[in-house]
PDB file of N, CA and C in Angstrom:
ATOM      1  N   UNK A   1       0.847  -1.170   0.000  1.00  0.00           N
ATOM      2  CA  UNK A   1       0.000   0.000   0.000  1.00  0.00           C
ATOM      3  C   UNK A   1       0.900   1.243   0.000  1.00  0.00           C
ATOM      4  N   UNK A   2       0.598   2.170  -0.867  1.00  0.00           N
ATOM      5  CA  UNK A   2       1.393   3.382  -0.972  1.00  0.00           C
ATOM      6  C   UNK A   2       0.979   4.389   0.091  1.00  0.00           C
ATOM      7  N   UNK A   3       1.921   5.215   0.482  1.00  0.00           N
ATOM      8  CA  UNK A   3       1.677   6.233   1.498  1.00  0.00           C
ATOM      9  C   UNK A   3       0.562   7.174   1.076  1.00  0.00           C
ATOM     10  N   UNK A   4       0.517   7.534  -0.216  1.00  0.00           N
ATOM     11  CA  UNK A   4      -0.517   8.449  -0.695  1.00  0.00           C
ATOM     12  C   UNK A   4      -1.907   7.868  -0.472  1.00  0.00           C
ATOM     13  N   UNK A   5      -2.060   6.563  -0.696  1.00  0.00           N
ATOM     14  CA  UNK A   5      -3.356   5.918  -0.506  1.00  0.00           C
ATOM     15  C   UNK A   5      -3.770   5.961   0.956  1.00  0.00           C
ATOM     16  N   UNK A   6      -2.816   5.780   1.862  1.00  0.00           N
ATOM     17  CA  UNK A   6      -3.115   5.854   3.294  1.00  0.00           C
ATOM     18  C   UNK A   6      -3.579   7.251   3.668  1.00  0.00           C
ATOM     19  N   UNK A   7      -2.916   8.251   3.097  1.00  0.00           N
ATOM     20  CA  UNK A   7      -3.298   9.631   3.398  1.00  0.00           C
ATOM     21  C   UNK A   7      -4.687   9.959   2.880  1.00  0.00           C
ATOM     22  N   UNK A   8      -5.036   9.450   1.713  1.00  0.00           N
ATOM     23  CA  UNK A   8      -6.365   9.717   1.157  1.00  0.00           C
ATOM     24  C   UNK A   8      -7.432   9.127   2.072  1.00  0.00           C
ATOM     25  N   UNK A   9      -7.254   7.903   2.499  1.00  0.00           N
ATOM     26  CA  UNK A   9      -8.222   7.274   3.397  1.00  0.00           C
ATOM     27  C   UNK A   9      -8.379   8.042   4.692  1.00  0.00           C
ATOM     28  N   UNK A  10      -7.263   8.443   5.279  1.00  0.00           N
ATOM     29  CA  UNK A  10      -7.298   9.207   6.526  1.00  0.00           C
ATOM     30  C   UNK A  10      -7.954  10.564   6.306  1.00  0.00           C
ATOM     31  N   UNK A  11      -7.690  11.159   5.163  1.00  0.00           N
ATOM     32  CA  UNK A  11      -8.271  12.480   4.854  1.00  0.00           C
ATOM     33  C   UNK A  11      -9.785  12.377   4.681  1.00  0.00           C
ATOM     34  N   UNK A  12     -10.255  11.332   4.015  1.00  0.00           N
ATOM     35  CA  UNK A  12     -11.697  11.125   3.853  1.00  0.00           C
ATOM     36  C   UNK A  12     -12.356  11.017   5.224  1.00  0.00           C
ATOM     37  N   UNK A  13     -11.763  10.217   6.089  1.00  0.00           N
ATOM     38  CA  UNK A  13     -12.321  10.035   7.436  1.00  0.00           C
ATOM     39  C   UNK A  13     -12.329  11.358   8.204  1.00  0.00           C
ATOM     40  N   UNK A  14     -11.229  12.103   8.150  1.00  0.00           N
ATOM     41  CA  UNK A  14     -11.137  13.379   8.847  1.00  0.00           C
ATOM     42  C   UNK A  14     -12.206  14.354   8.369  1.00  0.00           C
ATOM     43  N   UNK A  15     -12.359  14.488   7.059  1.00  0.00           N
ATOM     44  CA  UNK A  15     -13.358  15.410   6.513  1.00  0.00           C
ATOM     45  C   UNK A  15     -14.772  14.968   6.870  1.00  0.00           C
ATOM     46  N   UNK A  16     -15.015  13.664   6.845  1.00  0.00           N
ATOM     47  CA  UNK A  16     -16.340  13.152   7.222  1.00  0.00           C
ATOM     48  C   UNK A  16     -16.648  13.509   8.673  1.00  0.00           C
ATOM     49  N   UNK A  17     -15.691  13.315   9.551  1.00  0.00           N
ATOM     50  CA  UNK A  17     -15.904  13.624  10.966  1.00  0.00           C
ATOM     51  C   UNK A  17     -16.069  15.124  11.193  1.00  0.00           C
ATOM     52  N   UNK A  18     -15.331  15.936  10.437  1.00  0.00           N
ATOM     53  CA  UNK A  18     -15.484  17.392  10.546  1.00  0.00           C
ATOM     54  C   UNK A  18     -16.892  17.836  10.158  1.00  0.00           C
ATOM     55  N   UNK A  19     -17.514  17.102   9.237  1.00  0.00           N
ATOM     56  CA  UNK A  19     -18.892  17.403   8.810  1.00  0.00           C
ATOM     57  C   UNK A  19     -19.924  16.710   9.705  1.00  0.00           C
ATOM     58  N   UNK A  20     -19.449  16.028  10.762  1.00  0.00           N
ATOM     59  CA  UNK A  20     -20.340  15.305  11.683  1.00  0.00           C
ATOM     60  C   UNK A  20     -21.247  14.323  10.954  1.00  0.00           C
ATOM     61  N   UNK A  21     -20.660  13.586  10.034  1.00  0.00           N
ATOM     62  CA  UNK A  21     -21.415  12.608   9.254  1.00  0.00           C
ATOM     63  C   UNK A  21     -21.002  11.202   9.648  1.00  0.00           C
ATOM     64  N   UNK A  22     -21.955  10.291   9.601  1.00  0.00           N
ATOM     65  CA  UNK A  22     -21.636   8.881   9.779  1.00  0.00           C
ATOM     66  C   UNK A  22     -21.173   8.322   8.436  1.00  0.00           C
ATOM     67  N   UNK A  23     -20.574   7.147   8.484  1.00  0.00           N
ATOM     68  CA  UNK A  23     -20.206   6.490   7.233  1.00  0.00           C
ATOM     69  C   UNK A  23     -21.451   6.239   6.397  1.00  0.00           C
ATOM     70  N   UNK A  24     -22.517   5.836   7.037  1.00  0.00           N
ATOM     71  CA  UNK A  24     -23.756   5.547   6.320  1.00  0.00           C
ATOM     72  C   UNK A  24     -24.284   6.795   5.599  1.00  0.00           C
ATOM     73  N   UNK A  25     -24.240   7.944   6.271  1.00  0.00           N
ATOM     74  CA  UNK A  25     -24.727   9.188   5.667  1.00  0.00           C
ATOM     75  C   UNK A  25     -23.884   9.584   4.458  1.00  0.00           C
ATOM     76  N   UNK A  26     -22.566   9.543   4.620  1.00  0.00           N
ATOM     77  CA  UNK A  26     -21.700   9.913   3.494  1.00  0.00           C
ATOM     78  C   UNK A  26     -21.856   8.933   2.346  1.00  0.00           C
ATOM     79  N   UNK A  27     -21.908   7.655   2.663  1.00  0.00           N
ATOM     80  CA  UNK A  27     -22.058   6.640   1.618  1.00  0.00           C
ATOM     81  C   UNK A  27     -23.317   6.895   0.789  1.00  0.00           C
ATOM     82  N   UNK A  28     -24.419   7.237   1.462  1.00  0.00           N
ATOM     83  CA  UNK A  28     -25.671   7.514   0.751  1.00  0.00           C
ATOM     84  C   UNK A  28     -25.520   8.734  -0.161  1.00  0.00           C
ATOM     85  N   UNK A  29     -24.820   9.756   0.304  1.00  0.00           N
ATOM     86  CA  UNK A  29     -24.660  10.979  -0.491  1.00  0.00           C
ATOM     87  C   UNK A  29     -23.796  10.766  -1.732  1.00  0.00           C
ATOM     88  N   UNK A  30     -22.840   9.845  -1.651  1.00  0.00           N
ATOM     89  CA  UNK A  30     -21.941   9.647  -2.798  1.00  0.00           C
ATOM     90  C   UNK A  30     -22.304   8.421  -3.623  1.00  0.00           C
ATOM     91  N   UNK A  31     -23.335   7.687  -3.195  1.00  0.00           N
ATOM     92  CA  UNK A  31     -23.837   6.576  -4.003  1.00  0.00           C
ATOM     93  C   UNK A  31     -23.054   5.282  -3.896  1.00  0.00           C
ATOM     94  N   UNK A  32     -22.479   5.019  -2.715  1.00  0.00           N
ATOM     95  CA  UNK A  32     -21.799   3.739  -2.479  1.00  0.00           C
ATOM     96  C   UNK A  32     -22.368   3.124  -1.207  1.00  0.00           C
ATOM     97  N   UNK A  33     -22.053   1.855  -0.963  1.00  0.00           N
ATOM     98  CA  UNK A  33     -22.522   1.277   0.300  1.00  0.00           C
ATOM     99  C   UNK A  33     -21.510   1.577   1.407  1.00  0.00           C
ATOM    100  N   UNK A  34     -21.947   1.420   2.638  1.00  0.00           N
ATOM    101  CA  UNK A  34     -21.128   1.776   3.788  1.00  0.00           C
ATOM    102  C   UNK A  34     -19.832   0.971   3.845  1.00  0.00           C
ATOM    103  N   UNK A  35     -19.903  -0.290   3.454  1.00  0.00           N
ATOM    104  CA  UNK A  35     -18.691  -1.117   3.502  1.00  0.00           C
ATOM    105  C   UNK A  35     -17.636  -0.633   2.499  1.00  0.00           C
ATOM    106  N   UNK A  36     -18.079  -0.128   1.356  1.00  0.00           N
ATOM    107  CA  UNK A  36     -17.124   0.441   0.391  1.00  0.00           C
ATOM    108  C   UNK A  36     -16.452   1.674   0.984  1.00  0.00           C
ATOM    109  N   UNK A  37     -17.253   2.538   1.597  1.00  0.00           N
ATOM    110  CA  UNK A  37     -16.692   3.735   2.212  1.00  0.00           C
ATOM    111  C   UNK A  37     -15.694   3.359   3.308  1.00  0.00           C
ATOM    112  N   UNK A  38     -16.033   2.382   4.107  1.00  0.00           N
ATOM    113  CA  UNK A  38     -15.117   1.917   5.149  1.00  0.00           C
ATOM    114  C   UNK A  38     -13.806   1.432   4.532  1.00  0.00           C
ATOM    115  N   UNK A  39     -13.897   0.729   3.421  1.00  0.00           N
ATOM    116  CA  UNK A  39     -12.690   0.256   2.730  1.00  0.00           C
ATOM    117  C   UNK A  39     -11.839   1.420   2.232  1.00  0.00           C
ATOM    118  N   UNK A  40     -12.483   2.493   1.774  1.00  0.00           N
ATOM    119  CA  UNK A  40     -11.737   3.680   1.347  1.00  0.00           C
ATOM    120  C   UNK A  40     -11.021   4.307   2.544  1.00  0.00           C
ATOM    121  N   UNK A  41     -11.741   4.457   3.653  1.00  0.00           N
ATOM    122  CA  UNK A  41     -11.172   5.103   4.832  1.00  0.00           C
ATOM    123  C   UNK A  41     -10.018   4.298   5.427  1.00  0.00           C
ATOM    124  N   UNK A  42     -10.082   2.984   5.304  1.00  0.00           N
ATOM    125  CA  UNK A  42      -9.023   2.126   5.848  1.00  0.00           C
ATOM    126  C   UNK A  42      -7.968   1.767   4.792  1.00  0.00           C
ATOM    127  N   UNK A  43      -8.049   2.440   3.650  1.00  0.00           N
ATOM    128  CA  UNK A  43      -7.079   2.275   2.552  1.00  0.00           C
ATOM    129  C   UNK A  43      -6.982   0.844   2.039  1.00  0.00           C
ATOM    130  N   UNK A  44      -8.094   0.124   2.118  1.00  0.00           N
ATOM    131  CA  UNK A  44      -8.145  -1.222   1.544  1.00  0.00           C
ATOM    132  C   UNK A  44      -8.540  -1.169   0.074  1.00  0.00           C
ATOM    133  N   UNK A  45      -9.247  -0.101  -0.300  1.00  0.00           N
ATOM    134  CA  UNK A  45      -9.638   0.146  -1.691  1.00  0.00           C
ATOM    135  C   UNK A  45      -9.413   1.619  -1.974  1.00  0.00           C
ATOM    136  N   UNK A  46      -9.219   1.932  -3.246  1.00  0.00           N
ATOM    137  CA  UNK A  46      -9.051   3.324  -3.661  1.00  0.00           C
ATOM    138  C   UNK A  46     -10.281   3.752  -4.451  1.00  0.00           C
ATOM    139  N   UNK A  47     -10.936   4.848  -4.036  1.00  0.00           N
ATOM    140  CA  UNK A  47     -12.107   5.308  -4.788  1.00  0.00           C
ATOM    141  C   UNK A  47     -11.703   5.805  -6.169  1.00  0.00           C
ATOM    142  N   UNK A  48     -12.597   5.603  -7.145  1.00  0.00           N
ATOM    143  CA  UNK A  48     -12.290   6.110  -8.485  1.00  0.00           C
ATOM    144  C   UNK A  48     -12.503   7.623  -8.523  1.00  0.00           C
ATOM    145  N   UNK A  49     -12.118   8.232  -9.615  1.00  0.00           N
ATOM    146  CA  UNK A  49     -12.158   9.689  -9.729  1.00  0.00           C
ATOM    147  C   UNK A  49     -13.577  10.238  -9.600  1.00  0.00           C
ATOM    148  N   UNK A  50     -14.565   9.500 -10.052  1.00  0.00           N
ATOM    149  CA  UNK A  50     -15.948   9.977  -9.979  1.00  0.00           C
ATOM    150  C   UNK A  50     -16.430  10.012  -8.534  1.00  0.00           C
ATOM    151  N   UNK A  51     -16.063   9.025  -7.761  1.00  0.00           N
ATOM    152  CA  UNK A  51     -16.428   9.006  -6.341  1.00  0.00           C
ATOM    153  C   UNK A  51     -15.666  10.100  -5.598  1.00  0.00           C
ATOM    154  N   UNK A  52     -14.395  10.281  -5.935  1.00  0.00           N
ATOM    155  CA  UNK A  52     -13.626  11.357  -5.313  1.00  0.00           C
ATOM    156  C   UNK A  52     -14.259  12.720  -5.598  1.00  0.00           C
ATOM    157  N   UNK A  53     -14.741  12.920  -6.817  1.00  0.00           N
ATOM    158  CA  UNK A  53     -15.405  14.182  -7.168  1.00  0.00           C
ATOM    159  C   UNK A  53     -16.667  14.382  -6.339  1.00  0.00           C
ATOM    160  N   UNK A  54     -17.453  13.315  -6.166  1.00  0.00           N
ATOM    161  CA  UNK A  54     -18.665  13.415  -5.348  1.00  0.00           C
ATOM    162  C   UNK A  54     -18.314  13.748  -3.898  1.00  0.00           C
ATOM    163  N   UNK A  55     -17.265  13.110  -3.390  1.00  0.00           N
ATOM    164  CA  UNK A  55     -16.838  13.400  -2.015  1.00  0.00           C
ATOM    165  C   UNK A  55     -16.407  14.858  -1.880  1.00  0.00           C
ATOM    166  N   UNK A  56     -15.627  15.336  -2.833  1.00  0.00           N
ATOM    167  CA  UNK A  56     -15.169  16.725  -2.789  1.00  0.00           C
ATOM    168  C   UNK A  56     -16.361  17.675  -2.777  1.00  0.00           C
ATOM    169  N   UNK A  57     -17.388  17.370  -3.562  1.00  0.00           N
ATOM    170  CA  UNK A  57     -18.597  18.200  -3.570  1.00  0.00           C
ATOM    171  C   UNK A  57     -19.285  18.184  -2.209  1.00  0.00           C
ATOM    172  N   UNK A  58     -19.443  17.012  -1.630  1.00  0.00           N
ATOM    173  CA  UNK A  58     -20.101  16.889  -0.321  1.00  0.00           C
ATOM    174  C   UNK A  58     -19.308  17.648   0.744  1.00  0.00           C
ATOM    175  N   UNK A  59     -17.984  17.504   0.721  1.00  0.00           N
ATOM    176  CA  UNK A  59     -17.143  18.148   1.726  1.00  0.00           C
ATOM    177  C   UNK A  59     -16.879  19.621   1.423  1.00  0.00           C
ATOM    178  N   UNK A  60     -17.262  20.060   0.225  1.00  0.00           N
ATOM    179  CA  UNK A  60     -17.044  21.435  -0.223  1.00  0.00           C
ATOM    180  C   UNK A  60     -15.554  21.792  -0.212  1.00  0.00           C
ATOM    181  N   UNK A  61     -14.761  20.888  -0.794  1.00  0.00           N
ATOM    182  CA  UNK A  61     -13.316  21.099  -0.930  1.00  0.00           C
ATOM    183  C   UNK A  61     -12.912  20.763  -2.361  1.00  0.00           C
ATOM    184  N   UNK A  62     -11.720  21.181  -2.740  1.00  0.00           N
ATOM    185  CA  UNK A  62     -11.200  20.803  -4.059  1.00  0.00           C
ATOM    186  C   UNK A  62     -10.681  19.371  -4.002  1.00  0.00           C
ATOM    187  N   UNK A  63     -10.481  18.775  -5.165  1.00  0.00           N
ATOM    188  CA  UNK A  63      -9.879  17.440  -5.205  1.00  0.00           C
ATOM    189  C   UNK A  63      -8.485  17.459  -4.581  1.00  0.00           C
ATOM    190  N   UNK A  64      -7.731  18.518  -4.824  1.00  0.00           N
ATOM    191  CA  UNK A  64      -6.405  18.629  -4.215  1.00  0.00           C
ATOM    192  C   UNK A  64      -6.502  18.596  -2.695  1.00  0.00           C
ATOM    193  N   UNK A  65      -7.444  19.340  -2.143  1.00  0.00           N
ATOM    194  CA  UNK A  65      -7.629  19.332  -0.688  1.00  0.00           C
ATOM    195  C   UNK A  65      -8.078  17.963  -0.199  1.00  0.00           C
ATOM    196  N   UNK A  66      -8.959  17.332  -0.946  1.00  0.00           N
ATOM    197  CA  UNK A  66      -9.470  16.025  -0.543  1.00  0.00           C
ATOM    198  C   UNK A  66      -8.351  15.001  -0.425  1.00  0.00           C
ATOM    199  N   UNK A  67      -7.446  15.005  -1.374  1.00  0.00           N
ATOM    200  CA  UNK A  67      -6.377  14.003  -1.358  1.00  0.00           C
ATOM    201  C   UNK A  67      -5.124  14.494  -0.632  1.00  0.00           C
ATOM    202  N   UNK A  68      -5.187  15.699  -0.074  1.00  0.00           N
ATOM    203  CA  UNK A  68      -4.069  16.215   0.706  1.00  0.00           C
ATOM    204  C   UNK A  68      -2.884  16.651  -0.121  1.00  0.00           C
ATOM    205  N   UNK A  69      -3.146  17.032  -1.363  1.00  0.00           N
ATOM    206  CA  UNK A  69      -2.061  17.453  -2.254  1.00  0.00           C
ATOM    207  C   UNK A  69      -1.642  18.876  -1.914  1.00  0.00           C
ATOM    208  N   UNK A  70      -0.336  19.055  -1.743  1.00  0.00           N
ATOM    209  CA  UNK A  70       0.231  20.369  -1.430  1.00  0.00           C
ATOM    210  C   UNK A  70       1.099  20.824  -2.599  1.00  0.00           C
ATOM    211  N   UNK A  71       1.134  22.118  -2.802  1.00  0.00           N
ATOM    212  CA  UNK A  71       1.968  22.683  -3.870  1.00  0.00           C
ATOM    213  C   UNK A  71       3.201  23.313  -3.293  1.00  0.00           C
TER     214      UNK A  71
END
């Protein structure tokens, strides 16, 4: 598992908690099941770009912010 993937999972979890959302609530908003979201947060699976875009919209952040990309 790459370090970047671990950071993305941790970042998804952090943003979800900042929005006071459960995994179930976020999963419903982005159109995945809760177990898939859990896999993303624990870096067992990597969300595709379309799911990442939906997450960024829900969290009201850019894709760069979502994945923790710094310039």
